[in-house]
Amino acid sequence: MEPLKTDRLIIRNWKISDSMDLYEYAKSELVGPNAGWAPHKSEKESKEAIKSFIENDDTYAIVLKTENKVIGSIGLHSRKPDDSLADLKQREIGYVLHPQYWGKEIMPEAVKRIIHYGFIE
């Protein structure tokens, strides 16, 4: 995927070099359990997660432009959240955000951009 841009964000493919940024928020008890996974115990675990993101190619890094730092992730997953609509093409949006950036309208900005990408582009 080509990077997607908003006023404050870049949504792009993950890089192994993002592992420290991912670990910084993935180790938080406020993040993983709310997204359905255990907090990361090491940067190595975050590297393994990034390898999986790259392999599956459906989860992207959210970079805050002003800090040039990964502060979250967003994905368009090939799941069928509504079986009654199985004949339609469906995607499930999943996302997490570093707690330090909560309440700043970052995720609505990212979701709006990824929806435009997924359904218009």
PDB file of N, CA and C in Angstrom:
ATOM      1  N   MET A   1       0.834  -1.177   0.000  1.00  0.00           N
ATOM      2  CA  MET A   1       0.000   0.000   0.000  1.00  0.00           C
ATOM      3  C   MET A   1       0.882   1.244   0.000  1.00  0.00           C
ATOM      4  N   GLU A   2       0.509   2.196  -0.804  1.00  0.00           N
ATOM      5  CA  GLU A   2       1.178   3.495  -0.767  1.00  0.00           C
ATOM      6  C   GLU A   2       0.767   4.192   0.526  1.00  0.00           C
ATOM      7  N   PRO A   3       1.654   4.974   1.132  1.00  0.00           N
ATOM      8  CA  PRO A   3       1.276   5.667   2.364  1.00  0.00           C
ATOM      9  C   PRO A   3       0.050   6.558   2.160  1.00  0.00           C
ATOM     10  N   LEU A   4      -0.817   6.551   3.165  1.00  0.00           N
ATOM     11  CA  LEU A   4      -2.006   7.399   3.174  1.00  0.00           C
ATOM     12  C   LEU A   4      -1.720   8.562   4.110  1.00  0.00           C
ATOM     13  N   LYS A   5      -2.121   9.768   3.721  1.00  0.00           N
ATOM     14  CA  LYS A   5      -1.803  10.939   4.531  1.00  0.00           C
ATOM     15  C   LYS A   5      -3.062  11.690   4.933  1.00  0.00           C
ATOM     16  N   THR A   6      -2.998  12.269   6.119  1.00  0.00           N
ATOM     17  CA  THR A   6      -4.010  13.201   6.608  1.00  0.00           C
ATOM     18  C   THR A   6      -3.243  14.439   7.066  1.00  0.00           C
ATOM     19  N   ASP A   7      -3.929  15.371   7.658  1.00  0.00           N
ATOM     20  CA  ASP A   7      -3.243  16.571   8.139  1.00  0.00           C
ATOM     21  C   ASP A   7      -2.134  16.242   9.128  1.00  0.00           C
ATOM     22  N   ARG A   8      -2.393  15.296  10.043  1.00  0.00           N
ATOM     23  CA  ARG A   8      -1.426  15.002  11.105  1.00  0.00           C
ATOM     24  C   ARG A   8      -0.750  13.650  10.999  1.00  0.00           C
ATOM     25  N   LEU A   9      -1.269  12.768  10.136  1.00  0.00           N
ATOM     26  CA  LEU A   9      -0.851  11.373  10.169  1.00  0.00           C
ATOM     27  C   LEU A   9      -0.344  10.856   8.836  1.00  0.00           C
ATOM     28  N   ILE A  10       0.458   9.818   8.917  1.00  0.00           N
ATOM     29  CA  ILE A  10       0.819   8.977   7.772  1.00  0.00           C
ATOM     30  C   ILE A  10       0.446   7.557   8.179  1.00  0.00           C
ATOM     31  N   ILE A  11      -0.335   6.902   7.340  1.00  0.00           N
ATOM     32  CA  ILE A  11      -0.694   5.494   7.557  1.00  0.00           C
ATOM     33  C   ILE A  11       0.087   4.715   6.509  1.00  0.00           C
ATOM     34  N   ARG A  12       0.965   3.841   6.977  1.00  0.00           N
ATOM     35  CA  ARG A  12       1.879   3.170   6.049  1.00  0.00           C
ATOM     36  C   ARG A  12       2.135   1.737   6.489  1.00  0.00           C
ATOM     37  N   ASN A  13       2.813   1.002   5.618  1.00  0.00           N
ATOM     38  CA  ASN A  13       3.227  -0.351   5.963  1.00  0.00           C
ATOM     39  C   ASN A  13       4.208  -0.312   7.129  1.00  0.00           C
ATOM     40  N   TRP A  14       4.200  -1.394   7.890  1.00  0.00           N
ATOM     41  CA  TRP A  14       5.110  -1.519   9.019  1.00  0.00           C
ATOM     42  C   TRP A  14       6.529  -1.794   8.546  1.00  0.00           C
ATOM     43  N   LYS A  15       7.492  -1.403   9.364  1.00  0.00           N
ATOM     44  CA  LYS A  15       8.913  -1.712   9.166  1.00  0.00           C
ATOM     45  C   LYS A  15       9.411  -2.363  10.455  1.00  0.00           C
ATOM     46  N   ILE A  16      10.324  -3.298  10.340  1.00  0.00           N
ATOM     47  CA  ILE A  16      10.895  -3.938  11.524  1.00  0.00           C
ATOM     48  C   ILE A  16      11.487  -2.882  12.465  1.00  0.00           C
ATOM     49  N   SER A  17      12.017  -1.817  11.898  1.00  0.00           N
ATOM     50  CA  SER A  17      12.616  -0.751  12.710  1.00  0.00           C
ATOM     51  C   SER A  17      11.593   0.011  13.561  1.00  0.00           C
ATOM     52  N   ASP A  18      10.305  -0.272  13.383  1.00  0.00           N
ATOM     53  CA  ASP A  18       9.250   0.344  14.202  1.00  0.00           C
ATOM     54  C   ASP A  18       9.049  -0.382  15.534  1.00  0.00           C
ATOM     55  N   SER A  19       9.833  -1.411  15.786  1.00  0.00           N
ATOM     56  CA  SER A  19       9.557  -2.278  16.940  1.00  0.00           C
ATOM     57  C   SER A  19       9.600  -1.551  18.288  1.00  0.00           C
ATOM     58  N   MET A  20      10.492  -0.601  18.480  1.00  0.00           N
ATOM     59  CA  MET A  20      10.549   0.103  19.764  1.00  0.00           C
ATOM     60  C   MET A  20       9.303   0.972  19.956  1.00  0.00           C
ATOM     61  N   ASP A  21       8.855   1.636  18.901  1.00  0.00           N
ATOM     62  CA  ASP A  21       7.631   2.443  18.999  1.00  0.00           C
ATOM     63  C   ASP A  21       6.431   1.552  19.320  1.00  0.00           C
ATOM     64  N   LEU A  22       6.333   0.414  18.643  1.00  0.00           N
ATOM     65  CA  LEU A  22       5.233  -0.508  18.926  1.00  0.00           C
ATOM     66  C   LEU A  22       5.299  -0.996  20.367  1.00  0.00           C
ATOM     67  N   TYR A  23       6.465  -1.420  20.790  1.00  0.00           N
ATOM     68  CA  TYR A  23       6.605  -1.939  22.155  1.00  0.00           C
ATOM     69  C   TYR A  23       6.224  -0.889  23.193  1.00  0.00           C
ATOM     70  N   GLU A  24       6.519   0.375  22.921  1.00  0.00           N
ATOM     71  CA  GLU A  24       6.231   1.445  23.874  1.00  0.00           C
ATOM     72  C   GLU A  24       4.757   1.471  24.271  1.00  0.00           C
ATOM     73  N   TYR A  25       3.859   1.234  23.305  1.00  0.00           N
ATOM     74  CA  TYR A  25       2.437   1.233  23.677  1.00  0.00           C
ATOM     75  C   TYR A  25       1.863  -0.177  23.814  1.00  0.00           C
ATOM     76  N   ALA A  26       2.460  -1.164  23.150  1.00  0.00           N
ATOM     77  CA  ALA A  26       1.920  -2.530  23.203  1.00  0.00           C
ATOM     78  C   ALA A  26       2.155  -3.192  24.561  1.00  0.00           C
ATOM     79  N   LYS A  27       3.065  -2.673  25.359  1.00  0.00           N
ATOM     80  CA  LYS A  27       3.310  -3.232  26.689  1.00  0.00           C
ATOM     81  C   LYS A  27       2.285  -2.738  27.711  1.00  0.00           C
ATOM     82  N   SER A  28       1.500  -1.753  27.341  1.00  0.00           N
ATOM     83  CA  SER A  28       0.538  -1.158  28.266  1.00  0.00           C
ATOM     84  C   SER A  28      -0.665  -2.067  28.511  1.00  0.00           C
ATOM     85  N   GLU A  29      -1.053  -2.162  29.758  1.00  0.00           N
ATOM     86  CA  GLU A  29      -2.280  -2.894  30.135  1.00  0.00           C
ATOM     87  C   GLU A  29      -3.529  -2.206  29.576  1.00  0.00           C
ATOM     88  N   LEU A  30      -3.413  -0.955  29.175  1.00  0.00           N
ATOM     89  CA  LEU A  30      -4.547  -0.202  28.637  1.00  0.00           C
ATOM     90  C   LEU A  30      -4.803  -0.501  27.160  1.00  0.00           C
ATOM     91  N   VAL A  31      -3.846  -1.123  26.492  1.00  0.00           N
ATOM     92  CA  VAL A  31      -3.948  -1.297  25.039  1.00  0.00           C
ATOM     93  C   VAL A  31      -4.328  -2.718  24.648  1.00  0.00           C
ATOM     94  N   GLY A  32      -3.426  -3.655  24.808  1.00  0.00           N
ATOM     95  CA  GLY A  32      -3.627  -5.023  24.331  1.00  0.00           C
ATOM     96  C   GLY A  32      -4.908  -5.692  24.780  1.00  0.00           C
ATOM     97  N   PRO A  33      -5.187  -5.721  26.081  1.00  0.00           N
ATOM     98  CA  PRO A  33      -6.408  -6.399  26.528  1.00  0.00           C
ATOM     99  C   PRO A  33      -7.688  -5.836  25.897  1.00  0.00           C
ATOM    100  N   ASN A  34      -7.724  -4.541  25.628  1.00  0.00           N
ATOM    101  CA  ASN A  34      -8.896  -3.954  24.968  1.00  0.00           C
ATOM    102  C   ASN A  34      -8.997  -4.361  23.497  1.00  0.00           C
ATOM    103  N   ALA A  35      -7.863  -4.766  22.925  1.00  0.00           N
ATOM    104  CA  ALA A  35      -7.843  -5.185  21.523  1.00  0.00           C
ATOM    105  C   ALA A  35      -7.867  -6.707  21.378  1.00  0.00           C
ATOM    106  N   GLY A  36      -7.866  -7.417  22.488  1.00  0.00           N
ATOM    107  CA  GLY A  36      -7.949  -8.870  22.434  1.00  0.00           C
ATOM    108  C   GLY A  36      -6.619  -9.605  22.472  1.00  0.00           C
ATOM    109  N   TRP A  37      -5.549  -8.927  22.858  1.00  0.00           N
ATOM    110  CA  TRP A  37      -4.251  -9.595  22.970  1.00  0.00           C
ATOM    111  C   TRP A  37      -3.543  -9.147  24.248  1.00  0.00           C
ATOM    112  N   ALA A  38      -2.627  -9.984  24.702  1.00  0.00           N
ATOM    113  CA  ALA A  38      -1.888  -9.705  25.937  1.00  0.00           C
ATOM    114  C   ALA A  38      -0.846  -8.615  25.696  1.00  0.00           C
ATOM    115  N   PRO A  39      -0.564  -7.815  26.724  1.00  0.00           N
ATOM    116  CA  PRO A  39       0.505  -6.823  26.587  1.00  0.00           C
ATOM    117  C   PRO A  39       1.827  -7.498  26.202  1.00  0.00           C
ATOM    118  N   HIS A  40       2.592  -6.824  25.368  1.00  0.00           N
ATOM    119  CA  HIS A  40       3.885  -7.367  24.954  1.00  0.00           C
ATOM    120  C   HIS A  40       4.844  -7.335  26.132  1.00  0.00           C
ATOM    121  N   LYS A  41       5.659  -8.370  26.213  1.00  0.00           N
ATOM    122  CA  LYS A  41       6.618  -8.495  27.310  1.00  0.00           C
ATOM    123  C   LYS A  41       8.022  -8.039  26.916  1.00  0.00           C
ATOM    124  N   SER A  42       8.262  -7.840  25.614  1.00  0.00           N
ATOM    125  CA  SER A  42       9.594  -7.442  25.162  1.00  0.00           C
ATOM    126  C   SER A  42       9.503  -6.808  23.776  1.00  0.00           C
ATOM    127  N   GLU A  43      10.560  -6.094  23.430  1.00  0.00           N
ATOM    128  CA  GLU A  43      10.637  -5.540  22.082  1.00  0.00           C
ATOM    129  C   GLU A  43      10.695  -6.669  21.050  1.00  0.00           C
ATOM    130  N   LYS A  44      11.291  -7.782  21.413  1.00  0.00           N
ATOM    131  CA  LYS A  44      11.358  -8.943  20.509  1.00  0.00           C
ATOM    132  C   LYS A  44       9.948  -9.404  20.150  1.00  0.00           C
ATOM    133  N   GLU A  45       9.051  -9.429  21.122  1.00  0.00           N
ATOM    134  CA  GLU A  45       7.663  -9.799  20.849  1.00  0.00           C
ATOM    135  C   GLU A  45       7.019  -8.803  19.880  1.00  0.00           C
ATOM    136  N   SER A  46       7.333  -7.537  20.030  1.00  0.00           N
ATOM    137  CA  SER A  46       6.813  -6.524  19.110  1.00  0.00           C
ATOM    138  C   SER A  46       7.367  -6.730  17.700  1.00  0.00           C
ATOM    139  N   LYS A  47       8.638  -7.116  17.594  1.00  0.00           N
ATOM    140  CA  LYS A  47       9.220  -7.412  16.276  1.00  0.00           C
ATOM    141  C   LYS A  47       8.482  -8.569  15.612  1.00  0.00           C
ATOM    142  N   GLU A  48       8.163  -9.593  16.394  1.00  0.00           N
ATOM    143  CA  GLU A  48       7.427 -10.740  15.843  1.00  0.00           C
ATOM    144  C   GLU A  48       6.035 -10.311  15.370  1.00  0.00           C
ATOM    145  N   ALA A  49       5.398  -9.435  16.111  1.00  0.00           N
ATOM    146  CA  ALA A  49       4.087  -8.922  15.694  1.00  0.00           C
ATOM    147  C   ALA A  49       4.207  -8.161  14.380  1.00  0.00           C
ATOM    148  N   ILE A  50       5.245  -7.353  14.253  1.00  0.00           N
ATOM    149  CA  ILE A  50       5.454  -6.600  13.013  1.00  0.00           C
ATOM    150  C   ILE A  50       5.673  -7.545  11.847  1.00  0.00           C
ATOM    151  N   LYS A  51       6.434  -8.610  12.050  1.00  0.00           N
ATOM    152  CA  LYS A  51       6.630  -9.596  10.981  1.00  0.00           C
ATOM    153  C   LYS A  51       5.285 -10.165  10.527  1.00  0.00           C
ATOM    154  N   SER A  52       4.408 -10.423  11.467  1.00  0.00           N
ATOM    155  CA  SER A  52       3.075 -10.927  11.142  1.00  0.00           C
ATOM    156  C   SER A  52       2.261  -9.878  10.390  1.00  0.00           C
ATOM    157  N   PHE A  53       2.340  -8.608  10.824  1.00  0.00           N
ATOM    158  CA  PHE A  53       1.635  -7.532  10.124  1.00  0.00           C
ATOM    159  C   PHE A  53       2.100  -7.442   8.670  1.00  0.00           C
ATOM    160  N   ILE A  54       3.409  -7.540   8.471  1.00  0.00           N
ATOM    161  CA  ILE A  54       3.978  -7.453   7.122  1.00  0.00           C
ATOM    162  C   ILE A  54       3.515  -8.638   6.277  1.00  0.00           C
ATOM    163  N   GLU A  55       3.552  -9.829   6.853  1.00  0.00           N
ATOM    164  CA  GLU A  55       3.150 -11.042   6.139  1.00  0.00           C
ATOM    165  C   GLU A  55       1.669 -11.007   5.743  1.00  0.00           C
ATOM    166  N   ASN A  56       0.813 -10.600   6.676  1.00  0.00           N
ATOM    167  CA  ASN A  56      -0.625 -10.579   6.412  1.00  0.00           C
ATOM    168  C   ASN A  56      -1.075  -9.378   5.583  1.00  0.00           C
ATOM    169  N   ASP A  57      -0.287  -8.323   5.587  1.00  0.00           N
ATOM    170  CA  ASP A  57      -0.531  -7.128   4.786  1.00  0.00           C
ATOM    171  C   ASP A  57      -1.946  -6.562   4.960  1.00  0.00           C
ATOM    172  N   ASP A  58      -2.403  -6.491   6.217  1.00  0.00           N
ATOM    173  CA  ASP A  58      -3.710  -5.882   6.452  1.00  0.00           C
ATOM    174  C   ASP A  58      -3.737  -4.996   7.690  1.00  0.00           C
ATOM    175  N   THR A  59      -2.562  -4.768   8.287  1.00  0.00           N
ATOM    176  CA  THR A  59      -2.444  -3.890   9.451  1.00  0.00           C
ATOM    177  C   THR A  59      -1.330  -2.895   9.167  1.00  0.00           C
ATOM    178  N   TYR A  60      -1.624  -1.628   9.428  1.00  0.00           N
ATOM    179  CA  TYR A  60      -0.710  -0.553   9.043  1.00  0.00           C
ATOM    180  C   TYR A  60      -0.316   0.297  10.248  1.00  0.00           C
ATOM    181  N   ALA A  61       0.864   0.875  10.168  1.00  0.00           N
ATOM    182  CA  ALA A  61       1.371   1.754  11.221  1.00  0.00           C
ATOM    183  C   ALA A  61       0.748   3.139  11.058  1.00  0.00           C
ATOM    184  N   ILE A  62       0.413   3.748  12.195  1.00  0.00           N
ATOM    185  CA  ILE A  62      -0.053   5.133  12.212  1.00  0.00           C
ATOM    186  C   ILE A  62       1.104   5.971  12.751  1.00  0.00           C
ATOM    187  N   VAL A  63       1.604   6.870  11.910  1.00  0.00           N
ATOM    188  CA  VAL A  63       2.745   7.711  12.265  1.00  0.00           C
ATOM    189  C   VAL A  63       2.257   9.137  12.486  1.00  0.00           C
ATOM    190  N   LEU A  64       2.634   9.717  13.616  1.00  0.00           N
ATOM    191  CA  LEU A  64       2.339  11.118  13.884  1.00  0.00           C
ATOM    192  C   LEU A  64       3.419  11.949  13.200  1.00  0.00           C
ATOM    193  N   LYS A  65       3.015  12.760  12.230  1.00  0.00           N
ATOM    194  CA  LYS A  65       3.983  13.503  11.418  1.00  0.00           C
ATOM    195  C   LYS A  65       4.913  14.371  12.258  1.00  0.00           C
ATOM    196  N   THR A  66       4.365  15.084  13.233  1.00  0.00           N
ATOM    197  CA  THR A  66       5.182  16.027  14.000  1.00  0.00           C
ATOM    198  C   THR A  66       6.281  15.348  14.801  1.00  0.00           C
ATOM    199  N   GLU A  67       6.104  14.079  15.135  1.00  0.00           N
ATOM    200  CA  GLU A  67       7.105  13.353  15.917  1.00  0.00           C
ATOM    201  C   GLU A  67       7.823  12.283  15.105  1.00  0.00           C
ATOM    202  N   ASN A  68       7.352  12.029  13.878  1.00  0.00           N
ATOM    203  CA  ASN A  68       7.878  10.939  13.047  1.00  0.00           C
ATOM    204  C   ASN A  68       7.979   9.653  13.861  1.00  0.00           C
ATOM    205  N   LYS A  69       6.859   9.329  14.532  1.00  0.00           N
ATOM    206  CA  LYS A  69       6.837   8.206  15.460  1.00  0.00           C
ATOM    207  C   LYS A  69       5.551   7.408  15.251  1.00  0.00           C
ATOM    208  N   VAL A  70       5.674   6.068  15.312  1.00  0.00           N
ATOM    209  CA  VAL A  70       4.494   5.210  15.248  1.00  0.00           C
ATOM    210  C   VAL A  70       3.784   5.302  16.594  1.00  0.00           C
ATOM    211  N   ILE A  71       2.498   5.687  16.540  1.00  0.00           N
ATOM    212  CA  ILE A  71       1.726   5.853  17.780  1.00  0.00           C
ATOM    213  C   ILE A  71       0.523   4.913  17.838  1.00  0.00           C
ATOM    214  N   GLY A  72       0.364   4.101  16.800  1.00  0.00           N
ATOM    215  CA  GLY A  72      -0.754   3.169  16.798  1.00  0.00           C
ATOM    216  C   GLY A  72      -0.757   2.344  15.534  1.00  0.00           C
ATOM    217  N   SER A  73      -1.821   1.559  15.388  1.00  0.00           N
ATOM    218  CA  SER A  73      -1.987   0.762  14.178  1.00  0.00           C
ATOM    219  C   SER A  73      -3.455   0.708  13.805  1.00  0.00           C
ATOM    220  N   ILE A  74      -3.687   0.434  12.529  1.00  0.00           N
ATOM    221  CA  ILE A  74      -5.046   0.321  12.020  1.00  0.00           C
ATOM    222  C   ILE A  74      -5.039  -0.746  10.931  1.00  0.00           C
ATOM    223  N   GLY A  75      -6.097  -1.527  10.885  1.00  0.00           N
ATOM    224  CA  GLY A  75      -6.156  -2.589   9.885  1.00  0.00           C
ATOM    225  C   GLY A  75      -7.511  -2.706   9.241  1.00  0.00           C
ATOM    226  N   LEU A  76      -7.500  -3.173   8.014  1.00  0.00           N
ATOM    227  CA  LEU A  76      -8.699  -3.564   7.279  1.00  0.00           C
ATOM    228  C   LEU A  76      -8.611  -5.065   7.103  1.00  0.00           C
ATOM    229  N   HIS A  77      -9.325  -5.785   7.941  1.00  0.00           N
ATOM    230  CA  HIS A  77      -9.190  -7.234   8.002  1.00  0.00           C
ATOM    231  C   HIS A  77     -10.274  -7.936   7.193  1.00  0.00           C
ATOM    232  N   SER A  78      -9.896  -9.023   6.542  1.00  0.00           N
ATOM    233  CA  SER A  78     -10.826  -9.807   5.722  1.00  0.00           C
ATOM    234  C   SER A  78     -11.649 -10.743   6.587  1.00  0.00           C
ATOM    235  N   ARG A  79     -12.402 -10.176   7.474  1.00  0.00           N
ATOM    236  CA  ARG A  79     -13.300 -10.953   8.321  1.00  0.00           C
ATOM    237  C   ARG A  79     -14.717 -10.635   7.918  1.00  0.00           C
ATOM    238  N   LYS A  80     -15.612 -11.521   8.246  1.00  0.00           N
ATOM    239  CA  LYS A  80     -17.034 -11.314   7.948  1.00  0.00           C
ATOM    240  C   LYS A  80     -17.753 -11.044   9.264  1.00  0.00           C
ATOM    241  N   PRO A  81     -17.755  -9.795   9.709  1.00  0.00           N
ATOM    242  CA  PRO A  81     -18.375  -9.506  11.005  1.00  0.00           C
ATOM    243  C   PRO A  81     -19.892  -9.718  11.032  1.00  0.00           C
ATOM    244  N   ASP A  82     -20.514  -9.750   9.866  1.00  0.00           N
ATOM    245  CA  ASP A  82     -21.970  -9.928   9.821  1.00  0.00           C
ATOM    246  C   ASP A  82     -22.296 -11.028   8.820  1.00  0.00           C
ATOM    247  N   ASP A  83     -22.556 -12.252   9.318  1.00  0.00           N
ATOM    248  CA  ASP A  83     -22.844 -13.392   8.449  1.00  0.00           C
ATOM    249  C   ASP A  83     -24.110 -13.199   7.615  1.00  0.00           C
ATOM    250  N   SER A  84     -25.039 -12.389   8.096  1.00  0.00           N
ATOM    251  CA  SER A  84     -26.265 -12.164   7.324  1.00  0.00           C
ATOM    252  C   SER A  84     -25.995 -11.366   6.049  1.00  0.00           C
ATOM    253  N   LEU A  85     -24.812 -10.776   5.962  1.00  0.00           N
ATOM    254  CA  LEU A  85     -24.425 -10.020   4.769  1.00  0.00           C
ATOM    255  C   LEU A  85     -23.239 -10.677   4.063  1.00  0.00           C
ATOM    256  N   ALA A  86     -23.143 -11.992   4.180  1.00  0.00           N
ATOM    257  CA  ALA A  86     -21.984 -12.730   3.667  1.00  0.00           C
ATOM    258  C   ALA A  86     -21.791 -12.567   2.167  1.00  0.00           C
ATOM    259  N   ASP A  87     -22.837 -12.238   1.426  1.00  0.00           N
ATOM    260  CA  ASP A  87     -22.717 -12.078  -0.017  1.00  0.00           C
ATOM    261  C   ASP A  87     -22.056 -10.747  -0.395  1.00  0.00           C
ATOM    262  N   LEU A  88     -21.892  -9.847   0.551  1.00  0.00           N
ATOM    263  CA  LEU A  88     -21.257  -8.555   0.297  1.00  0.00           C
ATOM    264  C   LEU A  88     -19.785  -8.612   0.672  1.00  0.00           C
ATOM    265  N   LYS A  89     -18.987  -7.779   0.022  1.00  0.00           N
ATOM    266  CA  LYS A  89     -17.594  -7.654   0.422  1.00  0.00           C
ATOM    267  C   LYS A  89     -17.566  -6.881   1.732  1.00  0.00           C
ATOM    268  N   GLN A  90     -16.956  -7.475   2.747  1.00  0.00           N
ATOM    269  CA  GLN A  90     -16.901  -6.851   4.060  1.00  0.00           C
ATOM    270  C   GLN A  90     -15.455  -6.763   4.540  1.00  0.00           C
ATOM    271  N   ARG A  91     -15.203  -5.788   5.341  1.00  0.00           N
ATOM    272  CA  ARG A  91     -13.927  -5.646   6.032  1.00  0.00           C
ATOM    273  C   ARG A  91     -14.222  -5.228   7.454  1.00  0.00           C
ATOM    274  N   GLU A  92     -13.347  -5.623   8.347  1.00  0.00           N
ATOM    275  CA  GLU A  92     -13.457  -5.211   9.738  1.00  0.00           C
ATOM    276  C   GLU A  92     -12.292  -4.273  10.040  1.00  0.00           C
ATOM    277  N   ILE A  93     -12.595  -3.127  10.618  1.00  0.00           N
ATOM    278  CA  ILE A  93     -11.542  -2.191  11.009  1.00  0.00           C
ATOM    279  C   ILE A  93     -11.138  -2.508  12.443  1.00  0.00           C
ATOM    280  N   GLY A  94      -9.851  -2.651  12.635  1.00  0.00           N
ATOM    281  CA  GLY A  94      -9.303  -2.833  13.970  1.00  0.00           C
ATOM    282  C   GLY A  94      -8.239  -1.771  14.188  1.00  0.00           C
ATOM    283  N   TYR A  95      -8.145  -1.263  15.403  1.00  0.00           N
ATOM    284  CA  TYR A  95      -7.140  -0.237  15.655  1.00  0.00           C
ATOM    285  C   TYR A  95      -6.749  -0.201  17.118  1.00  0.00           C
ATOM    286  N   VAL A  96      -5.549   0.300  17.363  1.00  0.00           N
ATOM    287  CA  VAL A  96      -5.069   0.596  18.709  1.00  0.00           C
ATOM    288  C   VAL A  96      -4.287   1.897  18.640  1.00  0.00           C
ATOM    289  N   LEU A  97      -4.232   2.573  19.786  1.00  0.00           N
ATOM    290  CA  LEU A  97      -3.535   3.857  19.855  1.00  0.00           C
ATOM    291  C   LEU A  97      -2.809   3.961  21.188  1.00  0.00           C
ATOM    292  N   HIS A  98      -1.616   4.473  21.136  1.00  0.00           N
ATOM    293  CA  HIS A  98      -0.829   4.735  22.348  1.00  0.00           C
ATOM    294  C   HIS A  98      -1.679   5.599  23.285  1.00  0.00           C
ATOM    295  N   PRO A  99      -1.831   5.193  24.546  1.00  0.00           N
ATOM    296  CA  PRO A  99      -2.676   5.955  25.482  1.00  0.00           C
ATOM    297  C   PRO A  99      -2.295   7.431  25.625  1.00  0.00           C
ATOM    298  N   GLN A 100      -1.042   7.756  25.409  1.00  0.00           N
ATOM    299  CA  GLN A 100      -0.590   9.154  25.496  1.00  0.00           C
ATOM    300  C   GLN A 100      -1.318  10.050  24.487  1.00  0.00           C
ATOM    301  N   TYR A 101      -1.873   9.441  23.431  1.00  0.00           N
ATOM    302  CA  TYR A 101      -2.498  10.216  22.365  1.00  0.00           C
ATOM    303  C   TYR A 101      -4.024  10.106  22.367  1.00  0.00           C
ATOM    304  N   TRP A 102      -4.575   9.445  23.370  1.00  0.00           N
ATOM    305  CA  TRP A 102      -6.023   9.338  23.476  1.00  0.00           C
ATOM    306  C   TRP A 102      -6.636  10.723  23.674  1.00  0.00           C
ATOM    307  N   GLY A 103      -7.852  10.902  23.177  1.00  0.00           N
ATOM    308  CA  GLY A 103      -8.589  12.150  23.382  1.00  0.00           C
ATOM    309  C   GLY A 103      -8.151  13.297  22.495  1.00  0.00           C
ATOM    310  N   LYS A 104      -7.359  13.020  21.476  1.00  0.00           N
ATOM    311  CA  LYS A 104      -6.851  14.068  20.583  1.00  0.00           C
ATOM    312  C   LYS A 104      -7.433  13.968  19.170  1.00  0.00           C
ATOM    313  N   GLU A 105      -8.503  13.165  19.030  1.00  0.00           N
ATOM    314  CA  GLU A 105      -9.179  13.000  17.735  1.00  0.00           C
ATOM    315  C   GLU A 105      -8.276  12.382  16.659  1.00  0.00           C
ATOM    316  N   ILE A 106      -7.267  11.639  17.090  1.00  0.00           N
ATOM    317  CA  ILE A 106      -6.352  11.000  16.141  1.00  0.00           C
ATOM    318  C   ILE A 106      -7.003   9.800  15.472  1.00  0.00           C
ATOM    319  N   MET A 107      -7.655   8.947  16.255  1.00  0.00           N
ATOM    320  CA  MET A 107      -8.222   7.744  15.662  1.00  0.00           C
ATOM    321  C   MET A 107      -9.368   8.051  14.704  1.00  0.00           C
ATOM    322  N   PRO A 108     -10.278   8.972  15.003  1.00  0.00           N
ATOM    323  CA  PRO A 108     -11.297   9.294  13.990  1.00  0.00           C
ATOM    324  C   PRO A 108     -10.672   9.771  12.674  1.00  0.00           C
ATOM    325  N   GLU A 109      -9.585  10.508  12.761  1.00  0.00           N
ATOM    326  CA  GLU A 109      -8.879  10.975  11.558  1.00  0.00           C
ATOM    327  C   GLU A 109      -8.323   9.791  10.765  1.00  0.00           C
ATOM    328  N   ALA A 110      -7.728   8.834  11.471  1.00  0.00           N
ATOM    329  CA  ALA A 110      -7.159   7.650  10.815  1.00  0.00           C
ATOM    330  C   ALA A 110      -8.257   6.762  10.237  1.00  0.00           C
ATOM    331  N   VAL A 111      -9.335   6.556  10.994  1.00  0.00           N
ATOM    332  CA  VAL A 111     -10.435   5.702  10.523  1.00  0.00           C
ATOM    333  C   VAL A 111     -11.082   6.304   9.279  1.00  0.00           C
ATOM    334  N   LYS A 112     -11.314   7.588   9.284  1.00  0.00           N
ATOM    335  CA  LYS A 112     -11.912   8.250   8.119  1.00  0.00           C
ATOM    336  C   LYS A 112     -11.042   8.035   6.875  1.00  0.00           C
ATOM    337  N   ARG A 113      -9.724   8.146   7.048  1.00  0.00           N
ATOM    338  CA  ARG A 113      -8.810   7.985   5.900  1.00  0.00           C
ATOM    339  C   ARG A 113      -8.782   6.538   5.420  1.00  0.00           C
ATOM    340  N   ILE A 114      -8.759   5.573   6.342  1.00  0.00           N
ATOM    341  CA  ILE A 114      -8.689   4.164   5.936  1.00  0.00           C
ATOM    342  C   ILE A 114     -10.003   3.719   5.299  1.00  0.00           C
ATOM    343  N   ILE A 115     -11.128   4.258   5.750  1.00  0.00           N
ATOM    344  CA  ILE A 115     -12.414   3.953   5.111  1.00  0.00           C
ATOM    345  C   ILE A 115     -12.424   4.488   3.685  1.00  0.00           C
ATOM    346  N   HIS A 116     -11.928   5.699   3.502  1.00  0.00           N
ATOM    347  CA  HIS A 116     -11.863   6.261   2.147  1.00  0.00           C
ATOM    348  C   HIS A 116     -10.993   5.381   1.253  1.00  0.00           C
ATOM    349  N   TYR A 117      -9.845   4.966   1.782  1.00  0.00           N
ATOM    350  CA  TYR A 117      -8.959   4.084   1.034  1.00  0.00           C
ATOM    351  C   TYR A 117      -9.655   2.762   0.696  1.00  0.00           C
ATOM    352  N   GLY A 118     -10.288   2.147   1.675  1.00  0.00           N
ATOM    353  CA  GLY A 118     -10.863   0.826   1.493  1.00  0.00           C
ATOM    354  C   GLY A 118     -12.098   0.791   0.608  1.00  0.00           C
ATOM    355  N   PHE A 119     -12.867   1.865   0.613  1.00  0.00           N
ATOM    356  CA  PHE A 119     -14.134   1.826  -0.109  1.00  0.00           C
ATOM    357  C   PHE A 119     -14.183   2.745  -1.339  1.00  0.00           C
ATOM    358  N   ILE A 120     -13.329   3.732  -1.410  1.00  0.00           N
ATOM    359  CA  ILE A 120     -13.317   4.655  -2.554  1.00  0.00           C
ATOM    360  C   ILE A 120     -12.118   4.381  -3.466  1.00  0.00           C
ATOM    361  N   GLU A 121     -10.956   4.299  -2.857  1.00  0.00           N
ATOM    362  CA  GLU A 121      -9.736   4.108  -3.659  1.00  0.00           C
ATOM    363  C   GLU A 121      -9.567   2.657  -4.047  1.00  0.00           C
TER     364      GLU A 121
END
